[in-house]
């Protein structure tokens, strides 16, 4: 899956990587298959729990606090392990891909 932040807005689009223009986003299929991706309006990419952190930091209060906490030293290591456990159970291979805004 790929998450792309809309410029100058709190809105973000969630796009299945199968539907995204990966080259334009600066991503590869392998990156998207291994972890969720966040691409900001400048083209900077974050992966896995760092992508979750970026999404939360761009949400409405109080979620930005959680987004900042996820990448703090010590917590980041735990967040990485939690992300890996969740990611092993996720499926982005659905033929019915969806585009959502949140």
Protein backbone atom coordinates (compact mmCIF):
# COMPACT_ATOMS: atom_id res chain seq x y z
CA UNK A 1 0.00 0.00 0.00
CA UNK A 2 1.11 3.56 -0.52
CA UNK A 3 0.02 6.63 1.41
CA UNK A 4 0.45 9.97 -0.28
CA UNK A 5 0.06 13.21 1.63
CA UNK A 6 -1.90 15.91 -0.15
CA UNK A 7 0.04 19.20 -0.23
CA UNK A 8 -1.10 22.03 2.04
CA UNK A 9 -3.78 19.94 3.67
CA UNK A 10 -4.45 17.51 6.51
CA UNK A 11 -6.03 15.15 3.99
CA UNK A 12 -4.13 12.09 2.84
CA UNK A 13 -5.01 9.51 0.23
CA UNK A 14 -4.59 5.80 0.78
CA UNK A 15 -3.87 4.10 -2.52
CA UNK A 16 -3.25 0.42 -3.16
CA UNK A 17 0.21 0.16 -4.66
CA UNK A 18 -1.23 -1.81 -7.57
CA UNK A 19 -3.16 1.34 -8.56
CA UNK A 20 -0.41 3.87 -7.86
CA UNK A 21 2.13 5.30 -10.29
CA UNK A 22 5.08 3.96 -8.33
CA UNK A 23 7.71 5.60 -10.54
CA UNK A 24 6.18 9.03 -9.99
CA UNK A 25 6.07 8.40 -6.24
CA UNK A 26 9.68 7.20 -6.22
CA UNK A 27 8.72 3.73 -4.98
CA UNK A 28 9.29 0.18 -6.13
CA UNK A 29 6.87 -2.72 -6.02
CA UNK A 30 9.20 -4.49 -3.58
CA UNK A 31 9.10 -1.54 -1.16
CA UNK A 32 5.31 -1.48 -1.27
CA UNK A 33 4.99 -5.23 -0.83
CA UNK A 34 7.24 -5.18 2.23
CA UNK A 35 5.79 -2.18 4.10
CA UNK A 36 3.33 0.69 4.01
CA UNK A 37 4.85 3.81 2.40
CA UNK A 38 4.31 7.52 3.08
CA UNK A 39 5.20 10.00 0.34
CA UNK A 40 4.92 13.65 1.28
CA UNK A 41 4.29 16.58 -1.04
CA UNK A 42 8.07 17.09 -1.47
CA UNK A 43 8.57 13.45 -2.48
CA UNK A 44 10.22 12.34 0.78
CA UNK A 45 9.46 8.69 1.51
CA UNK A 46 8.98 6.99 4.89
CA UNK A 47 8.40 3.25 5.31
CA UNK A 48 6.91 0.89 7.90
CA UNK A 49 6.41 2.38 11.38
CA UNK A 50 8.01 5.64 10.19
CA UNK A 51 5.22 5.90 7.57
CA UNK A 52 2.61 5.28 10.27
CA UNK A 53 4.26 8.00 12.34
CA UNK A 54 4.07 10.46 9.44
CA UNK A 55 0.40 9.64 8.84
CA UNK A 56 -0.44 10.14 12.51
CA UNK A 57 1.51 13.41 12.66
CA UNK A 58 -0.65 14.69 9.81
CA UNK A 59 -3.93 13.69 11.47
CA UNK A 60 -6.08 15.72 13.84
CA UNK A 61 -5.25 16.07 17.52
CA UNK A 62 -4.41 13.96 19.56
CA UNK A 63 -2.95 11.59 16.91
CA UNK A 64 0.10 13.78 16.14
CA UNK A 65 1.31 13.14 19.70
CA UNK A 66 1.26 9.39 19.09
CA UNK A 67 2.98 9.93 15.74
CA UNK A 68 5.83 11.79 17.39
CA UNK A 69 6.10 9.22 20.19
CA UNK A 70 6.45 6.31 17.75
CA UNK A 71 9.83 7.55 16.54
CA UNK A 72 11.36 8.44 19.91
CA UNK A 73 14.47 6.46 20.86
CA UNK A 74 13.48 3.26 22.62
CA UNK A 75 9.86 3.51 21.55
CA UNK A 76 10.87 3.34 17.90
CA UNK A 77 12.39 -0.11 18.42
CA UNK A 78 9.16 -1.36 20.01
CA UNK A 79 7.05 0.32 17.31
CA UNK A 80 9.15 -1.39 14.65
CA UNK A 81 8.52 -4.81 16.19
CA UNK A 82 4.79 -4.14 16.57
CA UNK A 83 4.62 -2.93 12.96
CA UNK A 84 6.38 -6.08 11.73
CA UNK A 85 3.90 -8.32 13.60
CA UNK A 86 0.92 -6.44 12.18
CA UNK A 87 2.42 -6.30 8.68
CA UNK A 88 2.87 -10.06 8.60
CA UNK A 89 -0.88 -10.38 9.02
CA UNK A 90 -1.93 -7.70 6.53
CA UNK A 91 -2.93 -8.23 2.95
CA UNK A 92 -2.57 -5.63 0.21
CA UNK A 93 -3.01 -8.21 -2.51
CA UNK A 94 -6.75 -7.80 -2.80
CA UNK A 95 -7.98 -7.49 -6.39
CA UNK A 96 -10.59 -5.04 -5.06
CA UNK A 97 -8.21 -2.20 -4.27
CA UNK A 98 -9.71 0.87 -2.69
CA UNK A 99 -8.92 4.57 -2.67
CA UNK A 100 -9.87 6.32 0.54
CA UNK A 101 -9.28 9.73 2.07
CA UNK A 102 -8.93 10.33 5.75
